[in-house]
Amino acid sequence: MLNLQLSLALCLLVLGFWLEYLERPRIAMWFLLLTLTTALYFTHLVGFAMAGWIMTAYAIFARRRIREIFFSWILFIPGALFFLHSTMPQAKSGWAYAFSPTACGLSR
């Protein structure tokens, strides 16, 4: 549960730096965002997905240029590749996810 809370805090930090990047685009800020977004993936997948949805929705509703949306989506490529790499064993076995109630703390 702590990783989800940390992920939401890091999500807000990423979004704040992203808004700063939109105001004054600099290559150093973009690489910082790339690092933070990848760290966000390793923190929790919910925060990673939430940041992607919020960035996309904001860019569309604020009518930002497609170039800015494209550079924002590129930030999520390393996390998406890590996700695909981590799901390769499940893909080979037919995407059968194993659910363990004891691992989730649901057992009595």
Protein backbone atom coordinates (compact mmCIF):
# COMPACT_ATOMS: atom_id res chain seq x y z
CA MET A 1 0.00 0.00 0.00
CA LEU A 2 2.90 2.32 0.69
CA ASN A 3 4.17 1.95 -2.88
CA LEU A 4 0.80 3.17 -4.21
CA GLN A 5 0.94 6.26 -2.02
CA LEU A 6 4.53 6.94 -3.03
CA SER A 7 3.51 6.47 -6.65
CA LEU A 8 0.74 9.06 -6.38
CA ALA A 9 3.14 11.55 -4.81
CA LEU A 10 5.70 10.89 -7.55
CA CYS A 11 2.92 11.20 -10.14
CA LEU A 12 2.19 14.73 -8.93
CA LEU A 13 5.90 15.55 -9.02
CA VAL A 14 6.18 14.27 -12.59
CA LEU A 15 3.13 16.29 -13.63
CA GLY A 16 4.55 19.42 -12.04
CA PHE A 17 7.87 19.05 -13.85
CA TRP A 18 5.98 18.26 -17.06
CA LEU A 19 3.99 21.49 -16.81
CA GLU A 20 7.28 23.34 -16.25
CA TYR A 21 8.68 21.61 -19.33
CA LEU A 22 5.68 22.75 -21.40
CA GLU A 23 6.33 26.36 -20.37
CA ARG A 24 10.07 26.29 -21.08
CA PRO A 25 11.15 23.22 -23.05
CA ARG A 26 14.75 22.28 -22.30
CA ILE A 27 16.54 19.04 -23.09
CA ALA A 28 17.83 18.68 -19.51
CA MET A 29 14.28 18.94 -18.16
CA TRP A 30 13.07 16.33 -20.65
CA PHE A 31 15.76 13.86 -19.53
CA LEU A 32 14.84 14.54 -15.90
CA LEU A 33 11.23 13.78 -16.81
CA LEU A 34 12.31 10.60 -18.58
CA THR A 35 14.13 9.46 -15.44
CA LEU A 36 11.26 10.38 -13.14
CA THR A 37 8.66 8.72 -15.36
CA THR A 38 10.70 5.51 -15.47
CA ALA A 39 11.08 5.65 -11.68
CA LEU A 40 7.31 6.16 -11.49
CA TYR A 41 6.80 2.89 -13.39
CA PHE A 42 8.97 1.03 -10.88
CA THR A 43 7.05 2.60 -7.97
CA HIS A 44 3.56 1.48 -9.00
CA LEU A 45 1.73 0.87 -12.26
CA VAL A 46 -1.34 2.87 -11.18
CA GLY A 47 0.62 6.11 -10.78
CA PHE A 48 2.39 5.45 -14.08
CA ALA A 49 -0.90 4.99 -15.93
CA MET A 50 -2.51 7.93 -14.15
CA ALA A 51 0.32 10.26 -15.19
CA GLY A 52 -0.05 9.15 -18.81
CA TRP A 53 -3.79 9.70 -18.83
CA ILE A 54 -3.56 13.09 -17.14
CA MET A 55 -0.81 14.31 -19.48
CA THR A 56 -2.76 13.21 -22.54
CA ALA A 57 -6.08 14.63 -21.35
CA TYR A 58 -4.53 17.95 -20.36
CA ALA A 59 -2.71 18.25 -23.68
CA ILE A 60 -5.88 17.53 -25.65
CA PHE A 61 -8.17 19.82 -23.64
CA ALA A 62 -5.59 22.63 -23.55
CA ARG A 63 -5.16 22.21 -27.32
CA ARG A 64 -1.41 21.74 -27.12
CA ARG A 65 0.53 20.99 -30.26
CA ILE A 66 0.76 17.37 -31.41
CA ARG A 67 4.55 17.64 -31.13
CA GLU A 68 4.25 18.28 -27.39
CA ILE A 69 1.90 15.31 -26.99
CA PHE A 70 4.32 13.11 -28.93
CA PHE A 71 7.31 14.11 -26.77
CA SER A 72 5.19 13.49 -23.68
CA TRP A 73 4.27 9.99 -24.84
CA ILE A 74 7.92 9.17 -25.52
CA LEU A 75 8.52 9.58 -21.78
CA PHE A 76 6.46 6.43 -21.18
CA ILE A 77 8.27 4.17 -23.65
CA PRO A 78 10.91 2.82 -21.19
CA GLY A 79 8.20 1.93 -18.65
CA ALA A 80 6.07 0.29 -21.33
CA LEU A 81 9.07 -1.74 -22.51
CA PHE A 82 9.83 -2.82 -18.93
CA PHE A 83 6.19 -3.86 -18.57
CA LEU A 84 6.30 -5.89 -21.78
CA HIS A 85 9.53 -7.51 -20.67
CA SER A 86 8.06 -8.45 -17.30
CA THR A 87 4.96 -10.00 -18.88
CA MET A 88 6.83 -12.14 -21.41
CA PRO A 89 6.69 -15.30 -19.25
CA GLN A 90 2.91 -14.87 -18.85
CA ALA A 91 2.53 -14.38 -22.60
CA LYS A 92 4.26 -17.68 -23.27
CA SER A 93 1.90 -19.48 -20.88
CA GLY A 94 -1.25 -17.96 -22.36
CA TRP A 95 -1.50 -14.92 -20.08
CA ALA A 96 -2.65 -17.02 -17.15
CA TYR A 97 -2.10 -14.83 -14.13
CA ALA A 98 -1.86 -16.63 -10.83
CA PHE A 99 -3.80 -15.05 -7.98
CA SER A 100 -2.67 -15.83 -4.48
CA PRO A 101 -4.94 -14.57 -1.70
CA THR A 102 -2.10 -14.86 0.80
CA ALA A 103 0.14 -12.59 -1.28
CA CYS A 104 -2.53 -9.88 -1.23
CA GLY A 105 -3.22 -10.22 2.48
CA LEU A 106 -6.73 -11.54 1.92
CA SER A 107 -6.37 -14.82 3.79
CA ARG A 108 -7.68 -15.19 7.33
